């Protein structure tokens, strides 16, 4: 076996210890440390900011998710309409309109006697922020007029507004609007036509 006589000269030898080299500090220590800190922050953030619960008539059957539209269908079948007026002082006035045929006959379109419920449920849901959701009870004032007081956020945003009757006839009217605004008109869903 032949021995190599050439001296091993690797050029410039570093005189600094390894932990003072900037490549070690940046790539071996710095980047993994940054990733660990970022992961801890994302875990903390995901625990603090939770998704909100869906506010609608959804139910689950096995692994399939369904929406119950029976209340919307009843409002359509009864041909209910309404108009909601928002005052600047927070007063909300809702007018429930039965069809002319029901007013003349004194009976709703399904044959039950025409009446105005003592109270209606009002739900105003912000599109993205659950803290801006508002719920109220609309009290019967006179004839077809209902009233409640609600303090809405002053910044205009998209809201889902729902008026429903929780009584004998369980119907609901829904509409989407940018609040605050002066008025919203409720009509039955056209998907049942």
N, C-alpha and C. Protein backbone atom coordinates (compact mmCIF):
# COMPACT_ATOMS: atom_id res chain seq x y z
N UNK A 1 0.83 -1.15 0.00
CA UNK A 1 0.00 0.00 0.00
C UNK A 1 0.88 1.23 0.00
N UNK A 2 0.51 2.16 -0.80
CA UNK A 2 1.31 3.36 -0.94
C UNK A 2 0.76 4.46 -0.08
N UNK A 3 1.61 5.09 0.65
CA UNK A 3 1.22 6.15 1.54
C UNK A 3 1.28 7.47 0.78
N UNK A 4 0.27 8.32 1.00
CA UNK A 4 0.24 9.63 0.35
C UNK A 4 1.13 10.58 1.14
N UNK A 5 2.05 11.22 0.41
CA UNK A 5 2.97 12.16 1.06
C UNK A 5 2.49 13.60 0.98
N UNK A 6 1.36 13.85 0.27
CA UNK A 6 0.93 15.25 0.12
C UNK A 6 0.36 15.76 1.43
N UNK A 7 0.80 16.92 1.79
CA UNK A 7 0.27 17.49 3.04
C UNK A 7 -1.20 17.86 2.87
N UNK A 8 -1.98 17.72 3.92
CA UNK A 8 -3.41 18.09 3.86
C UNK A 8 -3.53 19.56 4.20
N UNK A 9 -3.83 20.31 3.19
CA UNK A 9 -4.00 21.73 3.37
C UNK A 9 -5.39 22.09 2.87
N UNK A 10 -6.25 22.41 3.77
CA UNK A 10 -7.63 22.75 3.40
C UNK A 10 -7.82 24.24 3.24
N UNK A 11 -6.84 24.96 3.14
CA UNK A 11 -6.93 26.40 2.97
C UNK A 11 -7.05 27.08 4.32
N UNK A 12 -7.84 28.10 4.37
CA UNK A 12 -7.99 28.91 5.57
C UNK A 12 -8.74 28.13 6.65
N UNK A 13 -8.15 28.02 7.78
CA UNK A 13 -8.79 27.37 8.92
C UNK A 13 -9.46 28.46 9.76
N UNK A 14 -10.71 28.18 10.17
CA UNK A 14 -11.46 29.15 10.97
C UNK A 14 -10.94 29.10 12.39
N UNK A 15 -10.69 30.27 12.93
CA UNK A 15 -10.17 30.34 14.29
C UNK A 15 -11.28 30.55 15.31
N UNK A 16 -12.53 30.84 14.85
CA UNK A 16 -13.65 31.04 15.77
C UNK A 16 -14.22 29.70 16.21
N UNK A 17 -14.82 29.64 17.40
CA UNK A 17 -15.53 28.42 17.77
C UNK A 17 -16.83 28.30 16.95
N UNK A 18 -17.40 27.10 16.86
CA UNK A 18 -18.56 26.84 16.00
C UNK A 18 -19.79 27.67 16.37
N UNK A 19 -20.01 27.96 17.62
CA UNK A 19 -21.21 28.66 18.05
C UNK A 19 -21.17 30.16 17.76
N UNK A 20 -20.00 30.64 17.29
CA UNK A 20 -19.92 32.05 16.90
C UNK A 20 -20.05 32.24 15.40
N UNK A 21 -20.21 31.19 14.68
CA UNK A 21 -20.38 31.25 13.24
C UNK A 21 -21.82 31.67 12.93
N UNK A 22 -22.01 32.67 12.08
CA UNK A 22 -23.35 33.18 11.79
C UNK A 22 -24.23 32.16 11.07
N UNK A 23 -23.66 31.26 10.30
CA UNK A 23 -24.44 30.24 9.60
C UNK A 23 -25.08 29.28 10.61
N UNK A 24 -24.36 28.94 11.64
CA UNK A 24 -24.90 28.05 12.67
C UNK A 24 -26.02 28.76 13.44
N UNK A 25 -25.77 30.02 13.78
CA UNK A 25 -26.77 30.77 14.55
C UNK A 25 -28.06 30.94 13.74
N UNK A 26 -27.95 31.25 12.46
CA UNK A 26 -29.14 31.50 11.63
C UNK A 26 -29.84 30.20 11.26
N UNK A 27 -29.12 29.25 10.66
CA UNK A 27 -29.78 28.09 10.07
C UNK A 27 -29.95 26.89 11.01
N UNK A 28 -29.07 26.71 11.92
CA UNK A 28 -29.15 25.55 12.79
C UNK A 28 -29.95 25.86 14.06
N UNK A 29 -29.82 27.07 14.58
CA UNK A 29 -30.51 27.42 15.82
C UNK A 29 -31.70 28.35 15.54
N UNK A 30 -31.50 29.38 14.74
CA UNK A 30 -32.52 30.41 14.53
C UNK A 30 -33.79 29.94 13.85
N UNK A 31 -33.69 29.31 12.69
CA UNK A 31 -34.90 28.89 11.96
C UNK A 31 -35.73 27.87 12.74
N UNK A 32 -35.14 26.80 13.30
CA UNK A 32 -35.99 25.89 14.09
C UNK A 32 -36.64 26.57 15.30
N UNK A 33 -35.92 27.48 15.94
CA UNK A 33 -36.49 28.20 17.07
C UNK A 33 -37.66 29.08 16.61
N UNK A 34 -37.52 29.73 15.47
CA UNK A 34 -38.61 30.55 14.93
C UNK A 34 -39.84 29.70 14.63
N UNK A 35 -39.66 28.52 14.04
CA UNK A 35 -40.78 27.63 13.70
C UNK A 35 -41.50 27.17 14.97
N UNK A 36 -40.75 26.84 16.00
CA UNK A 36 -41.37 26.40 17.27
C UNK A 36 -42.20 27.54 17.86
N UNK A 37 -41.66 28.75 17.90
CA UNK A 37 -42.39 29.89 18.45
C UNK A 37 -43.64 30.18 17.62
N UNK A 38 -43.54 30.12 16.29
CA UNK A 38 -44.70 30.36 15.43
C UNK A 38 -45.78 29.31 15.66
N UNK A 39 -45.42 28.05 15.82
CA UNK A 39 -46.40 26.99 16.07
C UNK A 39 -47.11 27.20 17.40
N UNK A 40 -46.36 27.58 18.43
CA UNK A 40 -46.99 27.84 19.73
C UNK A 40 -47.96 29.00 19.63
N UNK A 41 -47.61 30.05 18.89
CA UNK A 41 -48.51 31.18 18.72
C UNK A 41 -49.77 30.78 17.96
N UNK A 42 -49.66 29.98 16.89
CA UNK A 42 -50.83 29.55 16.13
C UNK A 42 -51.75 28.66 16.96
N UNK A 43 -51.20 27.80 17.79
CA UNK A 43 -52.03 26.97 18.67
C UNK A 43 -52.79 27.86 19.65
N UNK A 44 -52.11 28.80 20.27
CA UNK A 44 -52.76 29.73 21.18
C UNK A 44 -53.86 30.52 20.47
N UNK A 45 -53.58 31.03 19.29
CA UNK A 45 -54.55 31.82 18.53
C UNK A 45 -55.76 30.99 18.14
N UNK A 46 -55.56 29.75 17.71
CA UNK A 46 -56.69 28.91 17.30
C UNK A 46 -57.57 28.52 18.48
N UNK A 47 -57.01 28.43 19.68
CA UNK A 47 -57.82 28.12 20.86
C UNK A 47 -58.62 29.35 21.28
N UNK A 48 -58.05 30.54 21.17
CA UNK A 48 -58.73 31.76 21.59
C UNK A 48 -59.82 32.18 20.63
N UNK A 49 -59.59 32.06 19.34
CA UNK A 49 -60.55 32.49 18.32
C UNK A 49 -61.27 31.25 17.79
N UNK A 50 -62.44 30.96 18.37
CA UNK A 50 -63.19 29.77 17.98
C UNK A 50 -64.22 30.14 16.92
N UNK A 51 -64.59 29.15 16.11
CA UNK A 51 -65.65 29.36 15.14
C UNK A 51 -66.98 29.48 15.86
N UNK A 52 -67.87 30.30 15.33
CA UNK A 52 -69.17 30.47 15.95
C UNK A 52 -70.11 29.36 15.48
N UNK A 53 -71.17 29.18 16.23
CA UNK A 53 -72.16 28.15 15.92
C UNK A 53 -73.12 28.70 14.87
N UNK A 54 -73.55 27.85 13.97
CA UNK A 54 -74.51 28.24 12.94
C UNK A 54 -75.85 28.53 13.61
N UNK A 55 -76.47 29.66 13.27
CA UNK A 55 -77.75 30.03 13.87
C UNK A 55 -78.85 29.82 12.85
N UNK A 56 -79.25 28.60 12.68
CA UNK A 56 -80.31 28.32 11.73
C UNK A 56 -80.93 26.98 12.06
N UNK A 57 -81.85 26.53 11.28
CA UNK A 57 -82.54 25.27 11.54
C UNK A 57 -81.82 24.13 10.83
N UNK A 58 -80.66 23.78 11.31
CA UNK A 58 -79.88 22.69 10.74
C UNK A 58 -79.93 21.51 11.70
N UNK A 59 -79.94 20.31 11.15
CA UNK A 59 -79.86 19.13 11.98
C UNK A 59 -79.05 18.08 11.26
N UNK A 60 -78.55 17.12 12.02
CA UNK A 60 -77.68 16.10 11.46
C UNK A 60 -78.35 14.74 11.55
N UNK A 61 -78.30 14.00 10.47
CA UNK A 61 -78.81 12.64 10.43
C UNK A 61 -77.66 11.75 9.98
N UNK A 62 -77.05 11.07 10.94
CA UNK A 62 -75.84 10.31 10.61
C UNK A 62 -74.73 11.29 10.33
N UNK A 63 -74.17 11.21 9.13
CA UNK A 63 -73.10 12.14 8.75
C UNK A 63 -73.59 13.19 7.76
N UNK A 64 -74.91 13.20 7.50
CA UNK A 64 -75.47 14.13 6.54
C UNK A 64 -76.10 15.31 7.28
N UNK A 65 -75.87 16.51 6.80
CA UNK A 65 -76.37 17.73 7.40
C UNK A 65 -77.55 18.23 6.58
N UNK A 66 -78.67 18.49 7.25
CA UNK A 66 -79.88 18.96 6.57
C UNK A 66 -80.33 20.28 7.16
N UNK A 67 -81.08 21.03 6.36
CA UNK A 67 -81.69 22.25 6.85
C UNK A 67 -83.20 22.07 6.85
N UNK A 68 -83.83 22.40 7.97
CA UNK A 68 -85.28 22.30 8.08
C UNK A 68 -85.90 23.59 7.56
N UNK A 69 -86.66 23.50 6.49
CA UNK A 69 -87.26 24.69 5.88
C UNK A 69 -88.77 24.68 6.05
N UNK A 70 -89.29 23.88 6.97
CA UNK A 70 -90.74 23.79 7.14
C UNK A 70 -91.34 25.12 7.58
N UNK A 71 -90.62 25.89 8.41
CA UNK A 71 -91.15 27.19 8.86
C UNK A 71 -91.18 28.20 7.72
N UNK A 72 -90.16 28.15 6.84
CA UNK A 72 -90.16 29.03 5.66
C UNK A 72 -91.29 28.65 4.71
N UNK A 73 -91.51 27.36 4.57
CA UNK A 73 -92.58 26.87 3.68
C UNK A 73 -93.95 27.30 4.20
N UNK A 74 -94.14 27.24 5.51
CA UNK A 74 -95.42 27.67 6.09
C UNK A 74 -95.65 29.16 5.84
N UNK A 75 -94.64 29.99 6.00
CA UNK A 75 -94.77 31.43 5.71
C UNK A 75 -95.12 31.65 4.25
N UNK A 76 -94.54 30.84 3.37
CA UNK A 76 -94.86 30.94 1.95
C UNK A 76 -96.29 30.51 1.69
N UNK A 77 -96.72 29.40 2.29
CA UNK A 77 -98.08 28.90 2.06
C UNK A 77 -99.14 29.85 2.60
N UNK A 78 -98.83 30.55 3.70
CA UNK A 78 -99.77 31.53 4.26
C UNK A 78 -99.66 32.89 3.57
N UNK A 79 -98.68 33.05 2.66
CA UNK A 79 -98.44 34.29 1.91
C UNK A 79 -98.19 35.47 2.86
N UNK A 80 -97.40 35.24 3.90
CA UNK A 80 -97.09 36.29 4.87
C UNK A 80 -96.03 37.23 4.32
N UNK A 81 -96.17 38.49 4.65
CA UNK A 81 -95.18 39.49 4.30
C UNK A 81 -95.02 40.44 5.48
N UNK A 82 -94.02 41.26 5.43
CA UNK A 82 -93.83 42.21 6.51
C UNK A 82 -92.84 43.28 6.15
N UNK A 83 -92.83 44.31 6.98
CA UNK A 83 -91.89 45.40 6.79
C UNK A 83 -91.37 45.83 8.15
N UNK A 84 -90.06 45.99 8.26
CA UNK A 84 -89.43 46.39 9.51
C UNK A 84 -88.80 47.76 9.31
N UNK A 85 -89.09 48.66 10.24
CA UNK A 85 -88.57 50.03 10.19
C UNK A 85 -87.66 50.23 11.39
N UNK A 86 -86.45 50.72 11.13
CA UNK A 86 -85.46 50.97 12.17
C UNK A 86 -85.36 52.47 12.42
N UNK A 87 -85.65 52.89 13.65
CA UNK A 87 -85.52 54.30 14.02
C UNK A 87 -84.11 54.55 14.55
N UNK A 88 -83.67 55.79 14.53
CA UNK A 88 -82.33 56.15 14.99
C UNK A 88 -82.14 55.93 16.50
N UNK A 89 -83.25 56.00 17.25
CA UNK A 89 -83.14 55.85 18.71
C UNK A 89 -83.14 54.38 19.15
N UNK A 90 -83.14 53.43 18.21
CA UNK A 90 -83.09 52.01 18.54
C UNK A 90 -84.43 51.32 18.51
N UNK A 91 -85.51 52.05 18.25
CA UNK A 91 -86.83 51.44 18.21
C UNK A 91 -87.03 50.74 16.86
N UNK A 92 -87.49 49.50 16.95
CA UNK A 92 -87.75 48.69 15.75
C UNK A 92 -89.25 48.44 15.69
N UNK A 93 -89.85 48.75 14.55
CA UNK A 93 -91.28 48.53 14.35
C UNK A 93 -91.46 47.55 13.20
N UNK A 94 -92.22 46.49 13.45
CA UNK A 94 -92.48 45.48 12.44
C UNK A 94 -93.97 45.44 12.13
N UNK A 95 -94.30 45.44 10.84
CA UNK A 95 -95.68 45.35 10.38
C UNK A 95 -95.87 44.00 9.72
N UNK A 96 -96.78 43.19 10.27
CA UNK A 96 -97.08 41.86 9.73
C UNK A 96 -98.26 41.99 8.79
N UNK A 97 -98.07 41.60 7.53
CA UNK A 97 -99.13 41.73 6.52
C UNK A 97 -99.62 40.35 6.09
N UNK A 98 -100.92 40.12 6.35
CA UNK A 98 -101.58 38.92 5.83
C UNK A 98 -102.10 39.25 4.44
N UNK A 99 -102.31 38.25 3.58
CA UNK A 99 -102.85 38.55 2.25
C UNK A 99 -104.27 39.09 2.35
N UNK A 100 -104.69 39.83 1.34
CA UNK A 100 -106.02 40.46 1.31
C UNK A 100 -107.13 39.43 1.44
N UNK A 101 -106.96 38.29 0.82
CA UNK A 101 -107.96 37.22 0.88
C UNK A 101 -108.17 36.77 2.33
N UNK A 102 -107.12 36.66 3.10
CA UNK A 102 -107.23 36.25 4.51
C UNK A 102 -107.90 37.33 5.35
N UNK A 103 -107.59 38.59 5.07
CA UNK A 103 -108.20 39.69 5.81
C UNK A 103 -109.71 39.76 5.56
N UNK A 104 -110.13 39.50 4.32
CA UNK A 104 -111.56 39.55 3.99
C UNK A 104 -112.33 38.38 4.59
N UNK A 105 -111.72 37.18 4.54
CA UNK A 105 -112.43 35.99 5.01
C UNK A 105 -112.28 35.77 6.53
N UNK A 106 -111.27 36.38 7.14
CA UNK A 106 -111.04 36.16 8.56
C UNK A 106 -110.33 34.85 8.85
N UNK A 107 -109.88 34.17 7.81
CA UNK A 107 -109.16 32.90 7.98
C UNK A 107 -107.88 32.95 7.17
N UNK A 108 -106.86 32.30 7.71
CA UNK A 108 -105.60 32.19 6.97
C UNK A 108 -105.78 31.23 5.80
N UNK A 109 -104.83 31.18 4.91
CA UNK A 109 -104.95 30.36 3.71
C UNK A 109 -105.00 28.86 4.01
N UNK A 110 -104.57 28.46 5.21
CA UNK A 110 -104.66 27.04 5.57
C UNK A 110 -105.96 26.73 6.31
N UNK A 111 -106.84 27.74 6.50
CA UNK A 111 -108.14 27.52 7.13
C UNK A 111 -108.23 27.87 8.60
N UNK A 112 -107.12 28.13 9.26
CA UNK A 112 -107.17 28.50 10.67
C UNK A 112 -107.63 29.95 10.80
N UNK A 113 -108.27 30.29 11.91
CA UNK A 113 -108.75 31.67 12.09
C UNK A 113 -107.59 32.67 12.10
N UNK A 114 -107.83 33.80 11.51
CA UNK A 114 -106.80 34.85 11.43
C UNK A 114 -106.63 35.49 12.81
N UNK A 115 -105.41 35.59 13.24
CA UNK A 115 -105.11 36.24 14.51
C UNK A 115 -103.70 36.81 14.44
N UNK A 116 -103.43 37.74 15.33
CA UNK A 116 -102.09 38.31 15.45
C UNK A 116 -101.47 37.81 16.75
N UNK A 117 -100.31 37.13 16.67
CA UNK A 117 -99.67 36.61 17.88
C UNK A 117 -99.33 37.73 18.87
N UNK A 118 -99.26 37.40 20.16
CA UNK A 118 -98.92 38.39 21.18
C UNK A 118 -97.48 38.85 21.07
N UNK A 119 -96.61 37.97 20.60
CA UNK A 119 -95.21 38.34 20.46
C UNK A 119 -94.59 37.54 19.31
N UNK A 120 -93.57 38.13 18.73
CA UNK A 120 -92.78 37.50 17.68
C UNK A 120 -91.31 37.56 18.10
N UNK A 121 -90.54 36.61 17.62
CA UNK A 121 -89.12 36.57 17.95
C UNK A 121 -88.32 37.22 16.82
N UNK A 122 -87.45 38.14 17.19
CA UNK A 122 -86.59 38.83 16.23
C UNK A 122 -85.16 38.41 16.48
N UNK A 123 -84.49 37.98 15.43
CA UNK A 123 -83.08 37.59 15.51
C UNK A 123 -82.32 38.33 14.42
N UNK A 124 -81.33 39.11 14.83
CA UNK A 124 -80.48 39.85 13.89
C UNK A 124 -79.07 39.31 14.06
N UNK A 125 -78.57 38.60 13.05
CA UNK A 125 -77.27 37.94 13.12
C UNK A 125 -76.29 38.61 12.18
N UNK A 126 -75.14 39.00 12.70
CA UNK A 126 -74.08 39.58 11.88
C UNK A 126 -73.46 38.47 11.03
N UNK A 127 -73.02 38.82 9.85
CA UNK A 127 -72.49 37.81 8.92
C UNK A 127 -71.22 37.14 9.44
N UNK A 128 -70.39 37.87 10.19
CA UNK A 128 -69.11 37.29 10.61
C UNK A 128 -68.79 37.42 12.09
N UNK A 129 -69.42 38.35 12.80
CA UNK A 129 -69.03 38.62 14.19
C UNK A 129 -70.18 38.32 15.14
N UNK A 130 -70.04 37.28 15.93
CA UNK A 130 -71.11 36.85 16.84
C UNK A 130 -71.38 37.89 17.93
N UNK A 131 -70.40 38.74 18.23
CA UNK A 131 -70.59 39.76 19.26
C UNK A 131 -71.58 40.84 18.83
N UNK A 132 -71.85 40.94 17.54
CA UNK A 132 -72.79 41.95 17.03
C UNK A 132 -74.19 41.39 16.80
N UNK A 133 -74.42 40.13 17.16
CA UNK A 133 -75.75 39.53 17.03
C UNK A 133 -76.69 40.14 18.06
N UNK A 134 -77.94 40.30 17.70
CA UNK A 134 -78.96 40.85 18.61
C UNK A 134 -80.22 39.99 18.50
N UNK A 135 -80.82 39.71 19.65
CA UNK A 135 -82.09 39.00 19.72
C UNK A 135 -83.05 39.84 20.54
N UNK A 136 -84.34 39.80 20.15
CA UNK A 136 -85.34 40.58 20.89
C UNK A 136 -86.70 39.94 20.69
N UNK A 137 -87.62 40.36 21.52
CA UNK A 137 -89.02 39.96 21.40
C UNK A 137 -89.80 41.16 20.88
N UNK A 138 -90.49 40.96 19.76
CA UNK A 138 -91.36 41.99 19.21
C UNK A 138 -92.72 41.86 19.88
N UNK A 139 -93.10 42.86 20.66
CA UNK A 139 -94.38 42.85 21.38
C UNK A 139 -95.48 43.41 20.49
N UNK A 140 -96.66 42.80 20.57
CA UNK A 140 -97.81 43.26 19.80
C UNK A 140 -98.30 44.58 20.37
N UNK A 141 -98.36 45.61 19.52
CA UNK A 141 -98.76 46.95 19.96
C UNK A 141 -100.24 47.17 19.65
N UNK A 142 -100.58 47.07 18.37
CA UNK A 142 -101.97 47.22 17.93
C UNK A 142 -102.09 46.66 16.52
N UNK A 143 -103.26 46.22 16.16
CA UNK A 143 -103.54 45.68 14.83
C UNK A 143 -102.42 44.75 14.37
N UNK A 144 -101.71 45.16 13.33
CA UNK A 144 -100.63 44.31 12.81
C UNK A 144 -99.24 44.90 13.12
N UNK A 145 -99.15 45.73 14.15
CA UNK A 145 -97.89 46.41 14.50
C UNK A 145 -97.23 45.73 15.70
N UNK A 146 -95.90 45.56 15.60
CA UNK A 146 -95.07 44.99 16.66
C UNK A 146 -93.90 45.93 16.90
N UNK A 147 -93.39 45.93 18.14
CA UNK A 147 -92.32 46.88 18.45
C UNK A 147 -91.32 46.25 19.43
N UNK A 148 -90.06 46.71 19.33
CA UNK A 148 -88.98 46.30 20.25
C UNK A 148 -87.90 47.38 20.19
N UNK A 149 -86.99 47.34 21.16
CA UNK A 149 -85.84 48.24 21.19
C UNK A 149 -84.57 47.43 21.05
N UNK A 150 -83.72 47.83 20.10
CA UNK A 150 -82.45 47.14 19.85
C UNK A 150 -81.38 48.17 19.57
N UNK A 151 -80.22 47.97 20.18
CA UNK A 151 -79.06 48.83 19.92
C UNK A 151 -78.17 48.12 18.92
N UNK A 152 -78.12 48.63 17.70
CA UNK A 152 -77.29 48.05 16.64
C UNK A 152 -75.95 48.75 16.56
N UNK A 153 -74.98 48.06 16.00
CA UNK A 153 -73.67 48.64 15.76
C UNK A 153 -73.81 49.72 14.68
N UNK A 154 -73.10 50.83 14.83
CA UNK A 154 -73.24 51.95 13.90
C UNK A 154 -72.54 51.72 12.57
N UNK A 155 -71.58 50.80 12.53
CA UNK A 155 -70.87 50.51 11.29
C UNK A 155 -71.74 49.64 10.39
N UNK A 156 -71.94 50.06 9.15
CA UNK A 156 -72.80 49.32 8.24
C UNK A 156 -72.17 47.97 7.90
N UNK A 157 -72.95 46.91 8.08
CA UNK A 157 -72.48 45.55 7.83
C UNK A 157 -73.63 44.69 7.33
N UNK A 158 -73.27 43.52 6.85
CA UNK A 158 -74.27 42.56 6.36
C UNK A 158 -74.84 41.80 7.56
N UNK A 159 -76.18 41.77 7.64
CA UNK A 159 -76.88 41.07 8.72
C UNK A 159 -77.95 40.15 8.13
N UNK A 160 -78.23 39.07 8.86
CA UNK A 160 -79.33 38.18 8.54
C UNK A 160 -80.44 38.46 9.54
N UNK A 161 -81.58 38.93 9.07
CA UNK A 161 -82.67 39.32 9.94
C UNK A 161 -83.78 38.28 9.81
N UNK A 162 -84.28 37.82 10.96
CA UNK A 162 -85.30 36.78 10.96
C UNK A 162 -86.40 37.14 11.95
N UNK A 163 -87.65 37.06 11.50
CA UNK A 163 -88.82 37.26 12.35
C UNK A 163 -89.57 35.94 12.34
N UNK A 164 -89.88 35.43 13.54
CA UNK A 164 -90.55 34.13 13.59
C UNK A 164 -91.62 34.11 14.66
N UNK A 165 -92.58 33.23 14.44
CA UNK A 165 -93.66 32.99 15.39
C UNK A 165 -93.41 31.63 16.01
N UNK A 166 -93.27 31.58 17.31
CA UNK A 166 -93.01 30.32 17.99
C UNK A 166 -94.30 29.68 18.51
N UNK A 167 -95.44 30.23 18.13
CA UNK A 167 -96.71 29.77 18.67
C UNK A 167 -97.30 28.60 17.91
N UNK A 168 -98.64 28.61 17.83
CA UNK A 168 -99.38 27.52 17.21
C UNK A 168 -98.96 27.33 15.74
N UNK A 169 -98.86 28.42 15.02
CA UNK A 169 -98.35 28.37 13.65
C UNK A 169 -96.88 28.79 13.70
N UNK A 170 -95.99 27.85 13.51
CA UNK A 170 -94.55 28.10 13.64
C UNK A 170 -93.97 28.48 12.28
N UNK A 171 -94.01 29.76 11.95
CA UNK A 171 -93.50 30.26 10.67
C UNK A 171 -92.33 31.21 10.92
N UNK A 172 -91.61 31.52 9.83
CA UNK A 172 -90.55 32.52 9.94
C UNK A 172 -90.36 33.22 8.60
N UNK A 173 -90.01 34.49 8.69
CA UNK A 173 -89.65 35.32 7.54
C UNK A 173 -88.19 35.71 7.70
N UNK A 174 -87.43 35.57 6.62
CA UNK A 174 -85.99 35.89 6.67
C UNK A 174 -85.64 36.87 5.57
N UNK A 175 -84.65 37.69 5.85
CA UNK A 175 -84.14 38.62 4.85
C UNK A 175 -82.70 38.97 5.19
N UNK A 176 -81.94 39.35 4.18
CA UNK A 176 -80.56 39.78 4.34
C UNK A 176 -80.51 41.28 4.05
N UNK A 177 -79.82 42.02 4.90
CA UNK A 177 -79.75 43.46 4.69
C UNK A 177 -78.49 44.05 5.27
N UNK A 178 -78.16 45.25 4.79
CA UNK A 178 -77.04 45.99 5.34
C UNK A 178 -77.60 46.94 6.39
N UNK A 179 -77.26 46.67 7.64
CA UNK A 179 -77.76 47.49 8.73
C UNK A 179 -76.64 48.37 9.26
N UNK A 180 -76.90 49.53 9.79
CA UNK A 180 -78.22 50.11 9.96
C UNK A 180 -78.74 50.72 8.66
N UNK A 181 -80.01 50.51 8.43
CA UNK A 181 -80.72 51.12 7.31
C UNK A 181 -82.12 51.44 7.80
N UNK A 182 -82.89 52.13 6.98
CA UNK A 182 -84.20 52.59 7.42
C UNK A 182 -85.24 51.48 7.51
N UNK A 183 -85.28 50.61 6.49
CA UNK A 183 -86.34 49.60 6.48
C UNK A 183 -85.90 48.35 5.72
N UNK A 184 -86.53 47.23 6.08
CA UNK A 184 -86.32 45.95 5.40
C UNK A 184 -87.70 45.39 5.08
N UNK A 185 -87.88 44.92 3.86
CA UNK A 185 -89.14 44.31 3.45
C UNK A 185 -88.98 42.80 3.41
N UNK A 186 -89.87 42.09 4.07
CA UNK A 186 -89.85 40.63 4.14
C UNK A 186 -90.88 40.07 3.18
N UNK A 187 -90.45 39.12 2.37
CA UNK A 187 -91.35 38.40 1.47
C UNK A 187 -91.07 36.92 1.63
N UNK A 188 -92.06 36.07 1.37
CA UNK A 188 -91.81 34.63 1.46
C UNK A 188 -90.76 34.21 0.43
N UNK A 189 -90.05 33.12 0.74
CA UNK A 189 -89.02 32.64 -0.19
C UNK A 189 -89.65 32.22 -1.50
N UNK A 190 -89.06 32.64 -2.59
CA UNK A 190 -89.59 32.32 -3.92
C UNK A 190 -89.25 30.90 -4.36
N UNK A 191 -88.38 30.23 -3.63
CA UNK A 191 -87.98 28.88 -4.02
C UNK A 191 -89.11 27.89 -3.89
N UNK A 192 -90.19 28.25 -3.17
CA UNK A 192 -91.33 27.36 -3.01
C UNK A 192 -92.41 27.59 -4.05
N UNK A 193 -92.24 28.56 -4.94
CA UNK A 193 -93.26 28.85 -5.98
C UNK A 193 -93.36 27.70 -6.97
